[in-house]
Each structure stands twice: as C-alpha cells, then as structure tokens.
Amino acid sequence: MTTLYGIPNCDTVKKARAWLTEHGVTHRFHDFKKQGVPETELDRWLAEAGWEKLVNRKGTAWRGLDEAPRAAVADNASARTLLLQHASVIKRPVVEWADGSITVGFDATDWQQRS
C-alpha cells in the first residue's frame, strides 16, 4: 500500500492525492496535523533522502521560524529534532510507495514511471 504523508490543506498535497486517485494508485493519507510525524518513518526518510531534501527551506513555515532554530539545522540529527517539533517544515508530500521506495515532493513525470 502506498502512503502519502502531508497536510490536507497544502496545495501540493491536494494535487498529489488527486493524481494518485486519477491514476488508480491505492493509497492511504497520513495527516501530520492529526496523526503527527511518525518517528520511525522520519528516520528512514532522513537516511534515504537526507535532511537537505526533506527540510522545506523555501516555505512559509521555515521563514516563520526564529533564526536560532533555522541556524541549528546542519545534519540529519538536528533536522530530525526540528521536523518532529514543526511538521509544517517537512517538504510535502512524502510518499512511501508500495515497493518501499520514498519520494519527497510531487513530480508527475517521476510518479508516472512508478504507477
């Protein structure tokens, strides 16, 4: 089963969910706001994708943080701490595909090759 992680009111997550449905990809949605950030999965995402890809440094949530927590993010461990406290800073969506691979963000071309 494919799992899409994100926040329901995020436009990119909305597009991603619609794309999965339109392409017949059976999936479930994990809402960071209601269900939190799953620590075991976060550790795997950091190991596979790296903090640089997982931390959305272009988003409003990142810009809304004070300078100290932003400056403290320098590796997977420091990013993990921040992402557990501020789920909105995670680049969305994170998708765990049925084959076990993960993607960060929405890329219809890449996703087409997966479905």
Foldseek 3Di string as FASTA:
>chain_A
DKEKEDAVVDPQSVVVVVLCVVVVNDYYYHHCVVRNDDLVVLVVCCVPVNLVQFFQCPDPLNVPDDPVLVVQPDGSVSSSVVCRVPVNRTQDIWMQHPVRDIDGTDDSVVVVVVD
